[in-house]
Amino acid sequence: MNNIIIFAVAIAAYFVFKKITEPKVDKINGETLNQMLKDKTTKRQFIDVRTQSEFKADNIKGFRNIPLQSLASRAKELDKEKPVVLMCASGHRSMQAARILKRLGVETIVNLSGGLSAYRR
């Protein structure tokens, strides 16, 4: 019985820790993304973290491709002061990218909910 309680507490602690350490990321839908892409008054960096082959096959005009695997080493290409809008195929890799960028000091991060697949629907 004690092992079950300890296990339950450990799981709860894990989820609390994960929530606390999760980077603050604004989530947007496709309509909001389209507005951001048209808005030239706010300087944003649009980054697609999918692989090069995924990006070449289908991409959104205005996005730059920095694959997740090389994001940490290429982060110096980004301006930490300007908002970064992230996307991938489904939203999972872009959230991983958000964690990396937050650790590296990027202040404002926005993620396209559902990624390209949701955007194209």
PDB file of N, CA and C in Angstrom:
ATOM      1  N   MET A   1       0.832  -1.207   0.000  1.00  0.00           N
ATOM      2  CA  MET A   1       0.000   0.000   0.000  1.00  0.00           C
ATOM      3  C   MET A   1       0.868   1.259   0.000  1.00  0.00           C
ATOM      4  N   ASN A   2       1.942   1.243   0.781  1.00  0.00           N
ATOM      5  CA  ASN A   2       2.837   2.407   0.823  1.00  0.00           C
ATOM      6  C   ASN A   2       3.483   2.659  -0.534  1.00  0.00           C
ATOM      7  N   ASN A   3       3.812   1.592  -1.245  1.00  0.00           N
ATOM      8  CA  ASN A   3       4.420   1.746  -2.571  1.00  0.00           C
ATOM      9  C   ASN A   3       3.470   2.427  -3.543  1.00  0.00           C
ATOM     10  N   ILE A   4       2.188   2.113  -3.443  1.00  0.00           N
ATOM     11  CA  ILE A   4       1.187   2.736  -4.313  1.00  0.00           C
ATOM     12  C   ILE A   4       1.080   4.221  -4.009  1.00  0.00           C
ATOM     13  N   ILE A   5       1.093   4.575  -2.755  1.00  0.00           N
ATOM     14  CA  ILE A   5       1.012   5.995  -2.356  1.00  0.00           C
ATOM     15  C   ILE A   5       2.253   6.742  -2.836  1.00  0.00           C
ATOM     16  N   ILE A   6       3.415   6.149  -2.653  1.00  0.00           N
ATOM     17  CA  ILE A   6       4.667   6.781  -3.084  1.00  0.00           C
ATOM     18  C   ILE A   6       4.658   6.964  -4.604  1.00  0.00           C
ATOM     19  N   PHE A   7       4.196   5.944  -5.316  1.00  0.00           N
ATOM     20  CA  PHE A   7       4.119   6.015  -6.772  1.00  0.00           C
ATOM     21  C   PHE A   7       3.159   7.125  -7.207  1.00  0.00           C
ATOM     22  N   ALA A   8       2.015   7.222  -6.575  1.00  0.00           N
ATOM     23  CA  ALA A   8       1.026   8.253  -6.920  1.00  0.00           C
ATOM     24  C   ALA A   8       1.571   9.646  -6.643  1.00  0.00           C
ATOM     25  N   VAL A   9       2.270   9.816  -5.538  1.00  0.00           N
ATOM     26  CA  VAL A   9       2.865  11.116  -5.195  1.00  0.00           C
ATOM     27  C   VAL A   9       3.951  11.472  -6.213  1.00  0.00           C
ATOM     28  N   ALA A  10       4.747  10.479  -6.609  1.00  0.00           N
ATOM     29  CA  ALA A  10       5.808  10.723  -7.595  1.00  0.00           C
ATOM     30  C   ALA A  10       5.218  11.165  -8.934  1.00  0.00           C
ATOM     31  N   ILE A  11       4.158  10.533  -9.352  1.00  0.00           N
ATOM     32  CA  ILE A  11       3.509  10.918 -10.611  1.00  0.00           C
ATOM     33  C   ILE A  11       2.942  12.323 -10.512  1.00  0.00           C
ATOM     34  N   ALA A  12       2.290  12.623  -9.416  1.00  0.00           N
ATOM     35  CA  ALA A  12       1.736  13.968  -9.223  1.00  0.00           C
ATOM     36  C   ALA A  12       2.851  15.009  -9.217  1.00  0.00           C
ATOM     37  N   ALA A  13       3.951  14.712  -8.550  1.00  0.00           N
ATOM     38  CA  ALA A  13       5.089  15.637  -8.497  1.00  0.00           C
ATOM     39  C   ALA A  13       5.659  15.876  -9.892  1.00  0.00           C
ATOM     40  N   TYR A  14       5.735  14.809 -10.684  1.00  0.00           N
ATOM     41  CA  TYR A  14       6.230  14.936 -12.052  1.00  0.00           C
ATOM     42  C   TYR A  14       5.372  15.912 -12.856  1.00  0.00           C
ATOM     43  N   PHE A  15       4.056  15.756 -12.782  1.00  0.00           N
ATOM     44  CA  PHE A  15       3.172  16.634 -13.554  1.00  0.00           C
ATOM     45  C   PHE A  15       3.205  18.074 -13.056  1.00  0.00           C
ATOM     46  N   VAL A  16       3.343  18.273 -11.763  1.00  0.00           N
ATOM     47  CA  VAL A  16       3.470  19.629 -11.217  1.00  0.00           C
ATOM     48  C   VAL A  16       4.780  20.252 -11.701  1.00  0.00           C
ATOM     49  N   PHE A  17       5.876  19.488 -11.626  1.00  0.00           N
ATOM     50  CA  PHE A  17       7.175  19.980 -12.085  1.00  0.00           C
ATOM     51  C   PHE A  17       7.121  20.335 -13.568  1.00  0.00           C
ATOM     52  N   LYS A  18       6.514  19.465 -14.363  1.00  0.00           N
ATOM     53  CA  LYS A  18       6.413  19.699 -15.799  1.00  0.00           C
ATOM     54  C   LYS A  18       5.641  20.986 -16.084  1.00  0.00           C
ATOM     55  N   LYS A  19       4.553  21.211 -15.357  1.00  0.00           N
ATOM     56  CA  LYS A  19       3.732  22.413 -15.549  1.00  0.00           C
ATOM     57  C   LYS A  19       4.506  23.670 -15.151  1.00  0.00           C
ATOM     58  N   ILE A  20       5.248  23.583 -14.051  1.00  0.00           N
ATOM     59  CA  ILE A  20       6.020  24.731 -13.571  1.00  0.00           C
ATOM     60  C   ILE A  20       7.134  25.091 -14.534  1.00  0.00           C
ATOM     61  N   THR A  21       7.795  24.084 -15.110  1.00  0.00           N
ATOM     62  CA  THR A  21       8.941  24.336 -15.976  1.00  0.00           C
ATOM     63  C   THR A  21       8.562  24.551 -17.440  1.00  0.00           C
ATOM     64  N   GLU A  22       7.308  24.337 -17.773  1.00  0.00           N
ATOM     65  CA  GLU A  22       6.844  24.536 -19.150  1.00  0.00           C
ATOM     66  C   GLU A  22       7.031  26.004 -19.525  1.00  0.00           C
ATOM     67  N   PRO A  23       7.648  26.280 -20.666  1.00  0.00           N
ATOM     68  CA  PRO A  23       7.843  27.685 -21.049  1.00  0.00           C
ATOM     69  C   PRO A  23       6.507  28.359 -21.345  1.00  0.00           C
ATOM     70  N   LYS A  24       6.445  29.668 -21.080  1.00  0.00           N
ATOM     71  CA  LYS A  24       5.235  30.410 -21.410  1.00  0.00           C
ATOM     72  C   LYS A  24       5.242  30.640 -22.918  1.00  0.00           C
ATOM     73  N   VAL A  25       4.291  30.009 -23.549  1.00  0.00           N
ATOM     74  CA  VAL A  25       4.185  30.086 -24.998  1.00  0.00           C
ATOM     75  C   VAL A  25       2.745  30.430 -25.342  1.00  0.00           C
ATOM     76  N   ASP A  26       2.572  31.490 -26.112  1.00  0.00           N
ATOM     77  CA  ASP A  26       1.240  31.825 -26.594  1.00  0.00           C
ATOM     78  C   ASP A  26       0.920  30.885 -27.745  1.00  0.00           C
ATOM     79  N   LYS A  27      -0.299  30.377 -27.766  1.00  0.00           N
ATOM     80  CA  LYS A  27      -0.730  29.484 -28.835  1.00  0.00           C
ATOM     81  C   LYS A  27      -1.703  30.243 -29.729  1.00  0.00           C
ATOM     82  N   ILE A  28      -1.498  30.088 -31.024  1.00  0.00           N
ATOM     83  CA  ILE A  28      -2.351  30.783 -31.985  1.00  0.00           C
ATOM     84  C   ILE A  28      -2.942  29.778 -32.974  1.00  0.00           C
ATOM     85  N   ASN A  29      -4.009  30.202 -33.642  1.00  0.00           N
ATOM     86  CA  ASN A  29      -4.607  29.380 -34.701  1.00  0.00           C
ATOM     87  C   ASN A  29      -4.188  29.946 -36.062  1.00  0.00           C
ATOM     88  N   GLY A  30      -4.637  29.303 -37.111  1.00  0.00           N
ATOM     89  CA  GLY A  30      -4.266  29.709 -38.461  1.00  0.00           C
ATOM     90  C   GLY A  30      -4.699  31.112 -38.832  1.00  0.00           C
ATOM     91  N   GLU A  31      -5.879  31.502 -38.376  1.00  0.00           N
ATOM     92  CA  GLU A  31      -6.377  32.848 -38.679  1.00  0.00           C
ATOM     93  C   GLU A  31      -5.475  33.911 -38.057  1.00  0.00           C
ATOM     94  N   THR A  32      -5.078  33.695 -36.815  1.00  0.00           N
ATOM     95  CA  THR A  32      -4.184  34.643 -36.142  1.00  0.00           C
ATOM     96  C   THR A  32      -2.822  34.657 -36.824  1.00  0.00           C
ATOM     97  N   LEU A  33      -2.346  33.482 -37.234  1.00  0.00           N
ATOM     98  CA  LEU A  33      -1.068  33.420 -37.957  1.00  0.00           C
ATOM     99  C   LEU A  33      -1.139  34.249 -39.233  1.00  0.00           C
ATOM    100  N   ASN A  34      -2.200  34.119 -39.983  1.00  0.00           N
ATOM    101  CA  ASN A  34      -2.343  34.901 -41.216  1.00  0.00           C
ATOM    102  C   ASN A  34      -2.290  36.396 -40.932  1.00  0.00           C
ATOM    103  N   GLN A  35      -2.920  36.827 -39.842  1.00  0.00           N
ATOM    104  CA  GLN A  35      -2.884  38.238 -39.462  1.00  0.00           C
ATOM    105  C   GLN A  35      -1.453  38.661 -39.121  1.00  0.00           C
ATOM    106  N   MET A  36      -0.732  37.784 -38.391  1.00  0.00           N
ATOM    107  CA  MET A  36       0.655  38.103 -38.026  1.00  0.00           C
ATOM    108  C   MET A  36       1.546  38.201 -39.265  1.00  0.00           C
ATOM    109  N   LEU A  37       1.342  37.300 -40.208  1.00  0.00           N
ATOM    110  CA  LEU A  37       2.152  37.328 -41.423  1.00  0.00           C
ATOM    111  C   LEU A  37       1.916  38.606 -42.227  1.00  0.00           C
ATOM    112  N   LYS A  38       0.703  39.131 -42.207  1.00  0.00           N
ATOM    113  CA  LYS A  38       0.372  40.356 -42.927  1.00  0.00           C
ATOM    114  C   LYS A  38       0.839  41.610 -42.192  1.00  0.00           C
ATOM    115  N   ASP A  39       0.934  41.528 -40.861  1.00  0.00           N
ATOM    116  CA  ASP A  39       1.292  42.678 -40.024  1.00  0.00           C
ATOM    117  C   ASP A  39       2.781  42.980 -40.140  1.00  0.00           C
ATOM    118  N   LYS A  40       3.112  44.064 -40.796  1.00  0.00           N
ATOM    119  CA  LYS A  40       4.519  44.443 -40.979  1.00  0.00           C
ATOM    120  C   LYS A  40       4.989  45.435 -39.918  1.00  0.00           C
ATOM    121  N   THR A  41       4.098  45.847 -39.009  1.00  0.00           N
ATOM    122  CA  THR A  41       4.488  46.811 -37.978  1.00  0.00           C
ATOM    123  C   THR A  41       5.241  46.136 -36.820  1.00  0.00           C
ATOM    124  N   THR A  42       4.916  44.881 -36.534  1.00  0.00           N
ATOM    125  CA  THR A  42       5.614  44.139 -35.483  1.00  0.00           C
ATOM    126  C   THR A  42       6.601  43.192 -36.144  1.00  0.00           C
ATOM    127  N   LYS A  43       7.864  43.331 -35.790  1.00  0.00           N
ATOM    128  CA  LYS A  43       8.905  42.476 -36.370  1.00  0.00           C
ATOM    129  C   LYS A  43       8.898  41.130 -35.657  1.00  0.00           C
ATOM    130  N   ARG A  44       8.535  40.093 -36.385  1.00  0.00           N
ATOM    131  CA  ARG A  44       8.506  38.737 -35.849  1.00  0.00           C
ATOM    132  C   ARG A  44       9.434  37.851 -36.668  1.00  0.00           C
ATOM    133  N   GLN A  45       9.853  36.758 -36.039  1.00  0.00           N
ATOM    134  CA  GLN A  45      10.672  35.759 -36.709  1.00  0.00           C
ATOM    135  C   GLN A  45       9.823  34.497 -36.834  1.00  0.00           C
ATOM    136  N   PHE A  46       9.560  34.083 -38.049  1.00  0.00           N
ATOM    137  CA  PHE A  46       8.718  32.916 -38.302  1.00  0.00           C
ATOM    138  C   PHE A  46       9.636  31.737 -38.608  1.00  0.00           C
ATOM    139  N   ILE A  47       9.597  30.733 -37.735  1.00  0.00           N
ATOM    140  CA  ILE A  47      10.515  29.603 -37.836  1.00  0.00           C
ATOM    141  C   ILE A  47       9.746  28.291 -37.926  1.00  0.00           C
ATOM    142  N   ASP A  48      10.060  27.522 -38.950  1.00  0.00           N
ATOM    143  CA  ASP A  48       9.498  26.189 -39.166  1.00  0.00           C
ATOM    144  C   ASP A  48      10.573  25.200 -38.724  1.00  0.00           C
ATOM    145  N   VAL A  49      10.273  24.372 -37.719  1.00  0.00           N
ATOM    146  CA  VAL A  49      11.282  23.473 -37.149  1.00  0.00           C
ATOM    147  C   VAL A  49      11.217  22.058 -37.726  1.00  0.00           C
ATOM    148  N   ARG A  50      10.454  21.867 -38.798  1.00  0.00           N
ATOM    149  CA  ARG A  50      10.413  20.558 -39.452  1.00  0.00           C
ATOM    150  C   ARG A  50      11.734  20.307 -40.188  1.00  0.00           C
ATOM    151  N   THR A  51      11.913  19.095 -40.675  1.00  0.00           N
ATOM    152  CA  THR A  51      13.122  18.772 -41.427  1.00  0.00           C
ATOM    153  C   THR A  51      13.147  19.550 -42.740  1.00  0.00           C
ATOM    154  N   GLN A  52      14.332  19.600 -43.357  1.00  0.00           N
ATOM    155  CA  GLN A  52      14.454  20.307 -44.630  1.00  0.00           C
ATOM    156  C   GLN A  52      13.555  19.693 -45.702  1.00  0.00           C
ATOM    157  N   SER A  53      13.477  18.376 -45.719  1.00  0.00           N
ATOM    158  CA  SER A  53      12.646  17.731 -46.748  1.00  0.00           C
ATOM    159  C   SER A  53      11.162  18.031 -46.527  1.00  0.00           C
ATOM    160  N   GLU A  54      10.719  18.057 -45.281  1.00  0.00           N
ATOM    161  CA  GLU A  54       9.319  18.422 -44.997  1.00  0.00           C
ATOM    162  C   GLU A  54       9.059  19.859 -45.440  1.00  0.00           C
ATOM    163  N   PHE A  55      10.003  20.746 -45.128  1.00  0.00           N
ATOM    164  CA  PHE A  55       9.862  22.162 -45.465  1.00  0.00           C
ATOM    165  C   PHE A  55       9.810  22.361 -46.977  1.00  0.00           C
ATOM    166  N   LYS A  56      10.689  21.649 -47.709  1.00  0.00           N
ATOM    167  CA  LYS A  56      10.711  21.775 -49.170  1.00  0.00           C
ATOM    168  C   LYS A  56       9.419  21.266 -49.796  1.00  0.00           C
ATOM    169  N   ALA A  57       8.832  20.241 -49.197  1.00  0.00           N
ATOM    170  CA  ALA A  57       7.604  19.655 -49.742  1.00  0.00           C
ATOM    171  C   ALA A  57       6.394  20.560 -49.559  1.00  0.00           C
ATOM    172  N   ASP A  58       6.354  21.310 -48.461  1.00  0.00           N
ATOM    173  CA  ASP A  58       5.207  22.180 -48.169  1.00  0.00           C
ATOM    174  C   ASP A  58       5.608  23.165 -47.085  1.00  0.00           C
ATOM    175  N   ASN A  59       5.427  24.435 -47.342  1.00  0.00           N
ATOM    176  CA  ASN A  59       5.754  25.443 -46.323  1.00  0.00           C
ATOM    177  C   ASN A  59       4.842  26.644 -46.460  1.00  0.00           C
ATOM    178  N   ILE A  60       4.895  27.489 -45.459  1.00  0.00           N
ATOM    179  CA  ILE A  60       4.108  28.721 -45.437  1.00  0.00           C
ATOM    180  C   ILE A  60       5.048  29.874 -45.766  1.00  0.00           C
ATOM    181  N   LYS A  61       4.682  30.659 -46.763  1.00  0.00           N
ATOM    182  CA  LYS A  61       5.498  31.804 -47.169  1.00  0.00           C
ATOM    183  C   LYS A  61       5.736  32.717 -45.962  1.00  0.00           C
ATOM    184  N   GLY A  62       6.985  33.093 -45.776  1.00  0.00           N
ATOM    185  CA  GLY A  62       7.357  33.962 -44.671  1.00  0.00           C
ATOM    186  C   GLY A  62       8.081  33.214 -43.558  1.00  0.00           C
ATOM    187  N   PHE A  63       8.008  31.886 -43.585  1.00  0.00           N
ATOM    188  CA  PHE A  63       8.693  31.074 -42.578  1.00  0.00           C
ATOM    189  C   PHE A  63      10.082  30.686 -43.064  1.00  0.00           C
ATOM    190  N   ARG A  64      11.015  30.671 -42.134  1.00  0.00           N
ATOM    191  CA  ARG A  64      12.374  30.181 -42.357  1.00  0.00           C
ATOM    192  C   ARG A  64      12.484  28.788 -41.778  1.00  0.00           C
ATOM    193  N   ASN A  65      13.266  27.943 -42.379  1.00  0.00           N
ATOM    194  CA  ASN A  65      13.438  26.586 -41.885  1.00  0.00           C
ATOM    195  C   ASN A  65      14.705  26.477 -41.042  1.00  0.00           C
ATOM    196  N   ILE A  66      14.505  26.192 -39.760  1.00  0.00           N
ATOM    197  CA  ILE A  66      15.604  25.812 -38.867  1.00  0.00           C
ATOM    198  C   ILE A  66      15.133  24.527 -38.190  1.00  0.00           C
ATOM    199  N   PRO A  67      15.574  23.366 -38.706  1.00  0.00           N
ATOM    200  CA  PRO A  67      15.110  22.097 -38.138  1.00  0.00           C
ATOM    201  C   PRO A  67      15.401  21.985 -36.649  1.00  0.00           C
ATOM    202  N   LEU A  68      14.486  21.340 -35.937  1.00  0.00           N
ATOM    203  CA  LEU A  68      14.626  21.182 -34.493  1.00  0.00           C
ATOM    204  C   LEU A  68      16.001  20.648 -34.112  1.00  0.00           C
ATOM    205  N   GLN A  69      16.511  19.685 -34.868  1.00  0.00           N
ATOM    206  CA  GLN A  69      17.792  19.062 -34.542  1.00  0.00           C
ATOM    207  C   GLN A  69      18.958  20.051 -34.546  1.00  0.00           C
ATOM    208  N   SER A  70      18.843  21.122 -35.305  1.00  0.00           N
ATOM    209  CA  SER A  70      19.934  22.095 -35.363  1.00  0.00           C
ATOM    210  C   SER A  70      19.585  23.430 -34.707  1.00  0.00           C
ATOM    211  N   LEU A  71      18.440  23.496 -34.055  1.00  0.00           N
ATOM    212  CA  LEU A  71      17.977  24.768 -33.486  1.00  0.00           C
ATOM    213  C   LEU A  71      18.942  25.325 -32.437  1.00  0.00           C
ATOM    214  N   ALA A  72      19.385  24.510 -31.512  1.00  0.00           N
ATOM    215  CA  ALA A  72      20.277  25.001 -30.453  1.00  0.00           C
ATOM    216  C   ALA A  72      21.564  25.583 -31.032  1.00  0.00           C
ATOM    217  N   SER A  73      22.123  24.903 -32.024  1.00  0.00           N
ATOM    218  CA  SER A  73      23.378  25.388 -32.605  1.00  0.00           C
ATOM    219  C   SER A  73      23.172  26.602 -33.516  1.00  0.00           C
ATOM    220  N   ARG A  74      21.964  26.776 -34.022  1.00  0.00           N
ATOM    221  CA  ARG A  74      21.683  27.900 -34.922  1.00  0.00           C
ATOM    222  C   ARG A  74      20.905  29.029 -34.243  1.00  0.00           C
ATOM    223  N   ALA A  75      20.665  28.919 -32.967  1.00  0.00           N
ATOM    224  CA  ALA A  75      19.861  29.919 -32.248  1.00  0.00           C
ATOM    225  C   ALA A  75      20.467  31.316 -32.331  1.00  0.00           C
ATOM    226  N   LYS A  76      21.771  31.398 -32.536  1.00  0.00           N
ATOM    227  CA  LYS A  76      22.410  32.714 -32.642  1.00  0.00           C
ATOM    228  C   LYS A  76      21.929  33.484 -33.875  1.00  0.00           C
ATOM    229  N   GLU A  77      21.278  32.796 -34.797  1.00  0.00           N
ATOM    230  CA  GLU A  77      20.707  33.452 -35.979  1.00  0.00           C
ATOM    231  C   GLU A  77      19.438  34.238 -35.631  1.00  0.00           C
ATOM    232  N   LEU A  78      18.900  33.995 -34.452  1.00  0.00           N
ATOM    233  CA  LEU A  78      17.658  34.643 -34.038  1.00  0.00           C
ATOM    234  C   LEU A  78      17.943  35.840 -33.141  1.00  0.00           C
ATOM    235  N   ASP A  79      17.068  36.822 -33.197  1.00  0.00           N
ATOM    236  CA  ASP A  79      17.135  37.989 -32.312  1.00  0.00           C
ATOM    237  C   ASP A  79      16.286  37.675 -31.087  1.00  0.00           C
ATOM    238  N   LYS A  80      16.921  37.567 -29.920  1.00  0.00           N
ATOM    239  CA  LYS A  80      16.214  37.197 -28.687  1.00  0.00           C
ATOM    240  C   LYS A  80      15.167  38.218 -28.279  1.00  0.00           C
ATOM    241  N   GLU A  81      15.288  39.430 -28.783  1.00  0.00           N
ATOM    242  CA  GLU A  81      14.359  40.501 -28.419  1.00  0.00           C
ATOM    243  C   GLU A  81      13.079  40.485 -29.252  1.00  0.00           C
ATOM    244  N   LYS A  82      13.122  39.869 -30.412  1.00  0.00           N
ATOM    245  CA  LYS A  82      11.952  39.848 -31.299  1.00  0.00           C
ATOM    246  C   LYS A  82      11.151  38.566 -31.067  1.00  0.00           C
ATOM    247  N   PRO A  83       9.823  38.665 -31.152  1.00  0.00           N
ATOM    248  CA  PRO A  83       8.995  37.468 -30.990  1.00  0.00           C
ATOM    249  C   PRO A  83       9.333  36.397 -32.027  1.00  0.00           C
ATOM    250  N   VAL A  84       9.312  35.144 -31.586  1.00  0.00           N
ATOM    251  CA  VAL A  84       9.541  34.003 -32.473  1.00  0.00           C
ATOM    252  C   VAL A  84       8.230  33.232 -32.593  1.00  0.00           C
ATOM    253  N   VAL A  85       7.778  33.043 -33.825  1.00  0.00           N
ATOM    254  CA  VAL A  85       6.583  32.259 -34.102  1.00  0.00           C
ATOM    255  C   VAL A  85       7.057  30.912 -34.636  1.00  0.00           C
ATOM    256  N   LEU A  86       6.691  29.849 -33.932  1.00  0.00           N
ATOM    257  CA  LEU A  86       7.144  28.502 -34.276  1.00  0.00           C
ATOM    258  C   LEU A  86       6.035  27.673 -34.892  1.00  0.00           C
ATOM    259  N   MET A  87       6.438  26.758 -35.773  1.00  0.00           N
ATOM    260  CA  MET A  87       5.493  25.773 -36.291  1.00  0.00           C
ATOM    261  C   MET A  87       6.246  24.522 -36.694  1.00  0.00           C
ATOM    262  N   CYS A  88       5.504  23.431 -36.727  1.00  0.00           N
ATOM    263  CA  CYS A  88       6.000  22.147 -37.219  1.00  0.00           C
ATOM    264  C   CYS A  88       4.815  21.457 -37.885  1.00  0.00           C
ATOM    265  N   ALA A  89       4.832  20.155 -37.965  1.00  0.00           N
ATOM    266  CA  ALA A  89       3.728  19.446 -38.613  1.00  0.00           C
ATOM    267  C   ALA A  89       2.501  19.372 -37.719  1.00  0.00           C
ATOM    268  N   SER A  90       2.701  19.137 -36.408  1.00  0.00           N
ATOM    269  CA  SER A  90       1.556  18.915 -35.518  1.00  0.00           C
ATOM    270  C   SER A  90       1.552  19.772 -34.256  1.00  0.00           C
ATOM    271  N   GLY A  91       2.631  20.465 -33.969  1.00  0.00           N
ATOM    272  CA  GLY A  91       2.719  21.281 -32.759  1.00  0.00           C
ATOM    273  C   GLY A  91       3.620  20.688 -31.696  1.00  0.00           C
ATOM    274  N   HIS A  92       3.999  19.426 -31.836  1.00  0.00           N
ATOM    275  CA  HIS A  92       4.834  18.763 -30.823  1.00  0.00           C
ATOM    276  C   HIS A  92       6.290  19.241 -30.895  1.00  0.00           C
ATOM    277  N   ARG A  93       6.888  19.182 -32.066  1.00  0.00           N
ATOM    278  CA  ARG A  93       8.290  19.611 -32.204  1.00  0.00           C
ATOM    279  C   ARG A  93       8.452  21.103 -31.925  1.00  0.00           C
ATOM    280  N   SER A  94       7.454  21.886 -32.305  1.00  0.00           N
ATOM    281  CA  SER A  94       7.572  23.326 -32.048  1.00  0.00           C
ATOM    282  C   SER A  94       7.523  23.628 -30.553  1.00  0.00           C
ATOM    283  N   MET A  95       6.821  22.814 -29.771  1.00  0.00           N
ATOM    284  CA  MET A  95       6.852  23.000 -28.310  1.00  0.00           C
ATOM    285  C   MET A  95       8.222  22.599 -27.754  1.00  0.00           C
ATOM    286  N   GLN A  96       8.835  21.578 -28.320  1.00  0.00           N
ATOM    287  CA  GLN A  96      10.204  21.233 -27.926  1.00  0.00           C
ATOM    288  C   GLN A  96      11.140  22.400 -28.261  1.00  0.00           C
ATOM    289  N   ALA A  97      10.940  22.985 -29.425  1.00  0.00           N
ATOM    290  CA  ALA A  97      11.740  24.133 -29.837  1.00  0.00           C
ATOM    291  C   ALA A  97      11.535  25.304 -28.883  1.00  0.00           C
ATOM    292  N   ALA A  98      10.309  25.504 -28.423  1.00  0.00           N
ATOM    293  CA  ALA A  98      10.017  26.587 -27.476  1.00  0.00           C
ATOM    294  C   ALA A  98      10.830  26.402 -26.193  1.00  0.00           C
ATOM    295  N   ARG A  99      10.910  25.168 -25.699  1.00  0.00           N
ATOM    296  CA  ARG A  99      11.701  24.901 -24.494  1.00  0.00           C
ATOM    297  C   ARG A  99      13.174  25.264 -24.714  1.00  0.00           C
ATOM    298  N   ILE A 100      13.698  24.878 -25.859  1.00  0.00           N
ATOM    299  CA  ILE A 100      15.096  25.182 -26.175  1.00  0.00           C
ATOM    300  C   ILE A 100      15.316  26.686 -26.223  1.00  0.00           C
ATOM    301  N   LEU A 101      14.449  27.391 -26.946  1.00  0.00           N
ATOM    302  CA  LEU A 101      14.607  28.835 -27.094  1.00  0.00           C
ATOM    303  C   LEU A 101      14.432  29.573 -25.778  1.00  0.00           C
ATOM    304  N   LYS A 102      13.510  29.113 -24.936  1.00  0.00           N
ATOM    305  CA  LYS A 102      13.313  29.737 -23.622  1.00  0.00           C
ATOM    306  C   LYS A 102      14.588  29.621 -22.806  1.00  0.00           C
ATOM    307  N   ARG A 103      15.189  28.413 -22.821  1.00  0.00           N
ATOM    308  CA  ARG A 103      16.453  28.194 -22.087  1.00  0.00           C
ATOM    309  C   ARG A 103      17.555  29.094 -22.609  1.00  0.00           C
ATOM    310  N   LEU A 104      17.510  29.410 -23.881  1.00  0.00           N
ATOM    311  CA  LEU A 104      18.542  30.245 -24.493  1.00  0.00           C
ATOM    312  C   LEU A 104      18.239  31.740 -24.391  1.00  0.00           C
ATOM    313  N   GLY A 105      17.137  32.094 -23.752  1.00  0.00           N
ATOM    314  CA  GLY A 105      16.852  33.494 -23.472  1.00  0.00           C
ATOM    315  C   GLY A 105      15.911  34.217 -24.416  1.00  0.00           C
ATOM    316  N   VAL A 106      15.251  33.505 -25.304  1.00  0.00           N
ATOM    317  CA  VAL A 106      14.270  34.171 -26.176  1.00  0.00           C
ATOM    318  C   VAL A 106      13.073  34.547 -25.317  1.00  0.00           C
ATOM    319  N   GLU A 107      12.663  35.801 -25.402  1.00  0.00           N
ATOM    320  CA  GLU A 107      11.636  36.319 -24.500  1.00  0.00           C
ATOM    321  C   GLU A 107      10.210  35.951 -24.905  1.00  0.00           C
ATOM    322  N   THR A 108       9.861  36.160 -26.157  1.00  0.00           N
ATOM    323  CA  THR A 108       8.481  35.958 -26.589  1.00  0.00           C
ATOM    324  C   THR A 108       8.417  34.854 -27.634  1.00  0.00           C
ATOM    325  N   ILE A 109       7.648  33.801 -27.300  1.00  0.00           N
ATOM    326  CA  ILE A 109       7.514  32.660 -28.192  1.00  0.00           C
ATOM    327  C   ILE A 109       6.033  32.385 -28.431  1.00  0.00           C
ATOM    328  N   VAL A 110       5.696  32.161 -29.692  1.00  0.00           N
ATOM    329  CA  VAL A 110       4.327  31.872 -30.096  1.00  0.00           C
ATOM    330  C   VAL A 110       4.355  30.557 -30.871  1.00  0.00           C
ATOM    331  N   ASN A 111       3.369  29.696 -30.630  1.00  0.00           N
ATOM    332  CA  ASN A 111       3.315  28.400 -31.302  1.00  0.00           C
ATOM    333  C   ASN A 111       2.007  28.262 -32.081  1.00  0.00           C
ATOM    334  N   LEU A 112       2.121  27.764 -33.312  1.00  0.00           N
ATOM    335  CA  LEU A 112       0.935  27.492 -34.121  1.00  0.00           C
ATOM    336  C   LEU A 112       0.308  26.193 -33.638  1.00  0.00           C
ATOM    337  N   SER A 113      -0.834  26.274 -32.993  1.00  0.00           N
ATOM    338  CA  SER A 113      -1.524  25.091 -32.455  1.00  0.00           C
ATOM    339  C   SER A 113      -1.866  24.122 -33.570  1.00  0.00           C
ATOM    340  N   GLY A 114      -1.498  22.869 -33.376  1.00  0.00           N
ATOM    341  CA  GLY A 114      -1.801  21.851 -34.368  1.00  0.00           C
ATOM    342  C   GLY A 114      -0.883  21.845 -35.563  1.00  0.00           C
ATOM    343  N   GLY A 115       0.022  22.802 -35.626  1.00  0.00           N
ATOM    344  CA  GLY A 115       1.003  22.854 -36.688  1.00  0.00           C
ATOM    345  C   GLY A 115       0.426  23.035 -38.086  1.00  0.00           C
ATOM    346  N   LEU A 116       1.238  22.682 -39.049  1.00  0.00           N
ATOM    347  CA  LEU A 116       0.854  22.853 -40.449  1.00  0.00           C
ATOM    348  C   LEU A 116      -0.386  22.034 -40.805  1.00  0.00           C
ATOM    349  N   SER A 117      -0.507  20.862 -40.212  1.00  0.00           N
ATOM    350  CA  SER A 117      -1.667  20.028 -40.553  1.00  0.00           C
ATOM    351  C   SER A 117      -2.980  20.697 -40.147  1.00  0.00           C
ATOM    352  N   ALA A 118      -3.006  21.364 -39.003  1.00  0.00           N
ATOM    353  CA  ALA A 118      -4.216  22.083 -38.583  1.00  0.00           C
ATOM    354  C   ALA A 118      -4.413  23.342 -39.432  1.00  0.00           C
ATOM    355  N   TYR A 119      -3.318  23.990 -39.789  1.00  0.00           N
ATOM    356  CA  TYR A 119      -3.377  25.216 -40.588  1.00  0.00           C
ATOM    357  C   TYR A 119      -3.968  24.924 -41.977  1.00  0.00           C
ATOM    358  N   ARG A 120      -3.586  23.804 -42.560  1.00  0.00           N
ATOM    359  CA  ARG A 120      -4.027  23.469 -43.915  1.00  0.00           C
ATOM    360  C   ARG A 120      -5.475  22.989 -43.969  1.00  0.00           C
ATOM    361  N   ARG A 121      -6.061  22.617 -42.831  1.00  0.00           N
ATOM    362  CA  ARG A 121      -7.462  22.129 -42.823  1.00  0.00           C
ATOM    363  C   ARG A 121      -8.441  23.207 -43.159  1.00  0.00           C
TER     364      ARG A 121
END
